[in-house]
Amino acid sequence: MTDADADVVAVTELERRRFAAVLAADFDDFAAVCHPDLIYTHSNGVTDDLGSYLAKCRAGYYVYHHVEHPIRKIVVSGDVALVLGEMNADLTSGGVRKQLRNSSLAVWVRAGGRWQLIGYQPTPMP
């Protein structure tokens, strides 16, 4: 296995782990895979940093009931990995139950010898 292949495997597992964490409401585990400078933009255009996103999740503003996250492609360039995929979810946001069908881009950076999520941008599919 090449280093690039190993990076793809590692980032794929971290993508699985972050979605499993929000489904399980394990926000400490979610935070553990994130870079402190995370920029998390939601499909409605609202942007959170790591602290504000975690605060909303812990307060029950976002409750994830089901998430499917097929990955279409992972591009690794040096210490940056781009994950192109989908985020299809059943969640409650601000007390409103929603069904999301999004194309998504997750940005991972290798910092301190480990991959960390630093950016996320879902876009509603037509």
Foldseek 3Di string as FASTA:
>chain_A
DDPVVVVVVQVVVVVVQLVVCLQVLVLVSNVVQADQQAWEADQVGDIDGSVVVNVCSVVPQKHFNDWDWDWDDWDDDPFKIKTWTWIWTFIHHRNRTDTATWTKIWMWGQDPNGIHTRYIDTHGDD
